[in-house]
Amino acid sequence: MSNRIYVAIDTPDLARAKAIATRVRTHVGGLKLGLEFFCAHGAPGYREMAALGLPIFLDLKLHDIPNTVAKAVQALSPLAPAILTVHGAGGRAMLEDAKAAAPTGTKVVAVTMLTSLDASDLGATGIAGSAHDQVLRLTDLACEAGIDGIVCSGEEVGAAHARWPKGCFVVPGVRPAGGSVGDQKRVVTPRAAIDAGASILVIGRPITQAEDPDAAARAIAGTL
């Protein structure tokens, strides 16, 4: 992939989503559509965005019993997203069934730990150890399940890549040097994430909320 930036289009406003994507399309490698967009517009909205000609990362973080997730993936198959997320905490059987149900050409990647969480949040849910430990546990599980990769923060991607050299590593929570971190707790710069082994960078507000989104995307791409 020549451009590893997927811009996060996190808005329920279809016109705004299309306007942002149209402005940045020559300086990003793809679009990330998440729950906010998909709950508002579903498959028809997805198709309108896909018509812009960029690969789509469909970030729905599916997490349920294996059969339900497999059927959900099958229902999404006509959209043929480039990347689709499930939750690693759903377990090996769920990951295996999600991958088996995905269409050829769709990478299934497991969310390990949201970048809005840290060790204290893990402890509150009864999970012992650090964020780093949890990400590596789920990295091993994803690899063993035969899916394509994981989603993790830039703080853990180096260690995860060392354990799974052939995996696909999607890194959200990426912020340019000096940028606002917002509601993210574990962030790195785009260059640092790539150097550590990131395959894809998911960048939202630093691009979408910039005065000139295209210039912001171009500037970030220039650092990679």
Protein backbone atom coordinates (compact mmCIF):
# COMPACT_ATOMS: atom_id res chain seq x y z
CA MET A 1 0.00 0.00 0.00
CA SER A 2 1.52 3.31 -1.05
CA ASN A 3 -0.53 5.38 1.39
CA ARG A 4 -1.23 3.79 4.77
CA ILE A 5 -3.57 6.47 6.07
CA TYR A 6 -7.24 5.60 6.46
CA VAL A 7 -9.20 8.69 7.42
CA ALA A 8 -11.87 8.07 10.08
CA ILE A 9 -15.19 9.42 8.85
CA ASP A 10 -16.97 9.45 12.23
CA THR A 11 -20.11 11.42 11.51
CA PRO A 12 -23.77 10.52 10.94
CA ASP A 13 -24.02 13.34 8.38
CA LEU A 14 -23.74 11.69 4.97
CA ALA A 15 -23.23 14.93 3.08
CA ARG A 16 -20.39 15.95 5.41
CA ALA A 17 -18.86 12.47 5.19
CA LYS A 18 -18.82 12.62 1.40
CA ALA A 19 -17.48 16.16 1.39
CA ILE A 20 -14.55 15.27 3.67
CA ALA A 21 -13.75 12.09 1.76
CA THR A 22 -13.87 13.94 -1.56
CA ARG A 23 -11.47 16.61 -0.29
CA VAL A 24 -8.86 14.20 1.09
CA ARG A 25 -9.16 11.32 -1.37
CA THR A 26 -5.89 12.04 -3.18
CA HIS A 27 -3.85 12.09 0.03
CA VAL A 28 -5.21 9.08 1.94
CA GLY A 29 -5.22 5.36 1.23
CA GLY A 30 -8.75 4.60 2.37
CA LEU A 31 -11.78 5.51 4.47
CA LYS A 32 -12.76 4.20 7.90
CA LEU A 33 -16.50 3.99 8.52
CA GLY A 34 -17.55 3.13 12.06
CA LEU A 35 -20.65 2.57 14.15
CA GLU A 36 -21.77 6.19 14.11
CA PHE A 37 -21.88 6.31 10.32
CA PHE A 38 -23.13 2.77 9.73
CA CYS A 39 -25.96 2.97 12.27
CA ALA A 40 -27.17 6.14 10.56
CA HIS A 41 -26.87 5.04 6.93
CA GLY A 42 -26.28 1.28 6.74
CA ALA A 43 -25.40 -0.44 3.50
CA PRO A 44 -26.81 2.30 1.20
CA GLY A 45 -24.60 4.92 2.86
CA TYR A 46 -21.63 2.58 2.70
CA ARG A 47 -22.14 2.13 -1.03
CA GLU A 48 -22.28 5.89 -1.57
CA MET A 49 -18.93 6.25 0.18
CA ALA A 50 -17.43 3.29 -1.67
CA ALA A 51 -18.42 4.93 -4.96
CA LEU A 52 -15.69 7.52 -4.28
CA GLY A 53 -13.20 4.83 -5.23
CA LEU A 54 -11.23 4.34 -2.00
CA PRO A 55 -10.91 1.09 0.01
CA ILE A 56 -13.25 0.95 3.00
CA PHE A 57 -12.33 -0.13 6.52
CA LEU A 58 -15.66 -1.10 8.12
CA ASP A 59 -15.08 -0.73 11.85
CA LEU A 60 -18.09 -2.37 13.51
CA LYS A 61 -16.21 -4.29 16.22
CA LEU A 62 -18.50 -7.30 16.05
CA HIS A 63 -18.67 -9.18 19.34
CA ASP A 64 -21.21 -11.93 20.01
CA ILE A 65 -21.49 -15.70 20.00
CA PRO A 66 -19.63 -17.30 17.06
CA ASN A 67 -22.72 -18.17 15.03
CA THR A 68 -24.20 -14.69 15.33
CA VAL A 69 -20.96 -13.00 14.32
CA ALA A 70 -20.53 -15.37 11.37
CA LYS A 71 -24.04 -14.55 10.15
CA ALA A 72 -23.41 -10.84 10.58
CA VAL A 73 -20.22 -11.12 8.51
CA GLN A 74 -22.13 -13.04 5.84
CA ALA A 75 -24.78 -10.30 5.79
CA LEU A 76 -22.03 -7.71 5.25
CA SER A 77 -20.26 -9.73 2.56
CA PRO A 78 -21.95 -8.05 -0.44
CA LEU A 79 -20.26 -4.80 0.65
CA ALA A 80 -16.82 -6.46 0.38
CA PRO A 81 -14.99 -4.11 2.75
CA ALA A 82 -11.22 -4.09 2.55
CA ILE A 83 -11.02 -4.51 6.33
CA LEU A 84 -13.60 -5.58 8.91
CA THR A 85 -13.20 -5.52 12.69
CA VAL A 86 -14.32 -7.97 15.34
CA HIS A 87 -13.46 -7.95 19.04
CA GLY A 88 -10.57 -10.20 20.04
CA ALA A 89 -12.21 -10.77 23.41
CA GLY A 90 -14.92 -12.74 21.62
CA GLY A 91 -12.65 -15.78 21.70
CA ARG A 92 -11.00 -18.12 19.26
CA ALA A 93 -14.14 -19.78 17.91
CA MET A 94 -15.72 -16.41 17.15
CA LEU A 95 -12.58 -15.22 15.37
CA GLU A 96 -12.34 -18.42 13.32
CA ASP A 97 -15.99 -18.25 12.30
CA ALA A 98 -15.74 -14.57 11.37
CA LYS A 99 -12.80 -15.27 9.07
CA ALA A 100 -14.51 -18.28 7.51
CA ALA A 101 -17.58 -16.17 6.75
CA ALA A 102 -15.70 -13.20 5.28
CA PRO A 103 -15.48 -12.76 1.51
CA THR A 104 -12.19 -13.24 -0.30
CA GLY A 105 -10.26 -10.00 -0.19
CA THR A 106 -11.65 -8.79 3.15
CA LYS A 107 -9.13 -8.69 5.97
CA VAL A 108 -10.63 -9.62 9.34
CA VAL A 109 -8.78 -7.91 12.18
CA ALA A 110 -9.35 -8.21 15.92
CA VAL A 111 -9.64 -5.21 18.19
CA THR A 112 -7.35 -5.90 21.14
CA MET A 113 -7.84 -2.96 23.50
CA LEU A 114 -9.47 0.36 22.74
CA THR A 115 -7.07 3.29 22.73
CA SER A 116 -9.42 5.12 25.11
CA LEU A 117 -8.60 2.55 27.82
CA ASP A 118 -5.61 2.05 30.07
CA ALA A 119 -4.51 -0.40 32.79
CA SER A 120 -6.89 1.05 35.39
CA ASP A 121 -9.81 0.44 33.02
CA LEU A 122 -8.67 -3.15 32.54
CA GLY A 123 -8.52 -3.68 36.28
CA ALA A 124 -12.05 -2.33 36.66
CA THR A 125 -13.28 -5.11 34.34
CA GLY A 126 -11.38 -7.81 36.22
CA ILE A 127 -8.49 -8.25 33.78
CA ALA A 128 -5.10 -8.46 35.49
CA GLY A 129 -1.89 -7.05 34.07
CA SER A 130 -0.99 -4.12 31.89
CA ALA A 131 -2.49 -2.92 28.63
CA HIS A 132 0.66 -4.23 26.95
CA ASP A 133 0.07 -7.72 28.39
CA GLN A 134 -3.55 -7.79 27.28
CA VAL A 135 -2.73 -6.69 23.74
CA LEU A 136 -0.10 -9.41 23.39
CA ARG A 137 -2.46 -12.08 24.75
CA LEU A 138 -5.04 -11.15 22.14
CA THR A 139 -2.38 -10.87 19.44
CA ASP A 140 -1.42 -14.49 20.06
CA LEU A 141 -5.08 -15.53 20.04
CA ALA A 142 -5.76 -13.74 16.74
CA CYS A 143 -2.72 -15.33 15.12
CA GLU A 144 -3.72 -18.80 16.32
CA ALA A 145 -7.28 -18.27 15.05
CA GLY A 146 -6.00 -17.62 11.52
CA ILE A 147 -7.42 -14.14 11.02
CA ASP A 148 -5.48 -11.41 9.26
CA GLY A 149 -4.35 -9.07 11.99
CA ILE A 150 -5.21 -6.89 14.94
CA VAL A 151 -6.05 -3.35 15.94
CA CYS A 152 -3.79 -1.98 18.67
CA SER A 153 -2.29 1.28 19.82
CA GLY A 154 1.08 2.51 18.64
CA GLU A 155 2.47 1.80 22.09
CA GLU A 156 2.00 -1.95 21.60
CA VAL A 157 2.40 -2.39 17.85
CA GLY A 158 6.15 -2.97 17.99
CA ALA A 159 5.87 -5.87 20.42
CA ALA A 160 2.85 -7.29 18.59
CA HIS A 161 4.66 -7.12 15.24
CA ALA A 162 7.66 -8.92 16.73
CA ARG A 163 5.37 -11.79 17.78
CA TRP A 164 3.49 -11.92 14.47
CA PRO A 165 5.72 -10.60 11.66
CA LYS A 166 3.19 -11.44 8.93
CA GLY A 167 0.19 -9.88 10.66
CA CYS A 168 -1.69 -6.78 9.55
CA PHE A 169 -1.49 -4.09 12.22
CA VAL A 170 -4.09 -1.32 12.26
CA VAL A 171 -3.17 1.54 14.58
CA PRO A 172 -5.79 4.10 15.68
CA GLY A 173 -5.26 6.91 18.16
CA VAL A 174 -2.54 8.40 15.97
CA ARG A 175 -1.82 12.09 16.50
CA PRO A 176 0.71 14.42 14.84
CA ALA A 177 3.41 15.75 17.15
CA GLY A 178 1.92 18.43 19.38
CA GLY A 179 -1.67 17.58 18.43
CA SER A 180 -4.56 17.28 20.89
CA VAL A 181 -5.08 13.71 22.15
CA GLY A 182 -8.81 14.21 22.81
CA ASP A 183 -10.34 11.12 24.45
CA GLN A 184 -7.39 8.88 23.60
CA LYS A 185 -5.05 7.64 26.35
CA ARG A 186 -2.39 5.73 24.39
CA VAL A 187 -1.24 7.73 21.37
CA VAL A 188 1.85 7.98 19.15
CA THR A 189 2.84 10.02 16.11
CA PRO A 190 2.19 8.62 12.62
CA ARG A 191 5.92 8.21 11.92
CA ALA A 192 6.53 6.40 15.21
CA ALA A 193 3.67 3.99 14.51
CA ILE A 194 4.99 3.15 11.04
CA ASP A 195 8.52 2.67 12.36
CA ALA A 196 7.20 0.27 15.00
CA GLY A 197 5.44 -1.92 12.43
CA ALA A 198 2.01 -0.43 11.72
CA SER A 199 0.45 -1.54 8.44
CA ILE A 200 -2.38 1.01 8.49
CA LEU A 201 -2.89 4.25 10.41
CA VAL A 202 -6.40 5.37 11.32
CA ILE A 203 -6.51 9.15 11.67
CA GLY A 204 -9.68 11.10 12.32
CA ARG A 205 -9.92 14.49 13.98
CA PRO A 206 -6.44 15.78 13.04
CA ILE A 207 -7.68 15.58 9.44
CA THR A 208 -11.46 15.86 9.58
CA GLN A 209 -11.54 18.79 12.01
CA ALA A 210 -8.70 20.71 10.38
CA GLU A 211 -9.45 24.00 8.64
CA ASP A 212 -8.13 22.40 5.45
CA PRO A 213 -8.55 18.60 5.68
CA ASP A 214 -6.72 18.01 2.42
CA ALA A 215 -3.69 20.01 3.54
CA ALA A 216 -3.72 18.21 6.91
CA ALA A 217 -3.80 14.80 5.22
CA ARG A 218 -1.03 15.84 2.84
CA ALA A 219 1.13 17.10 5.71
CA ILE A 220 0.73 13.88 7.69
CA ALA A 221 1.44 11.74 4.62
CA GLY A 222 4.59 13.79 4.10
CA THR A 223 5.98 12.60 7.44
CA LEU A 224 5.73 8.91 6.58
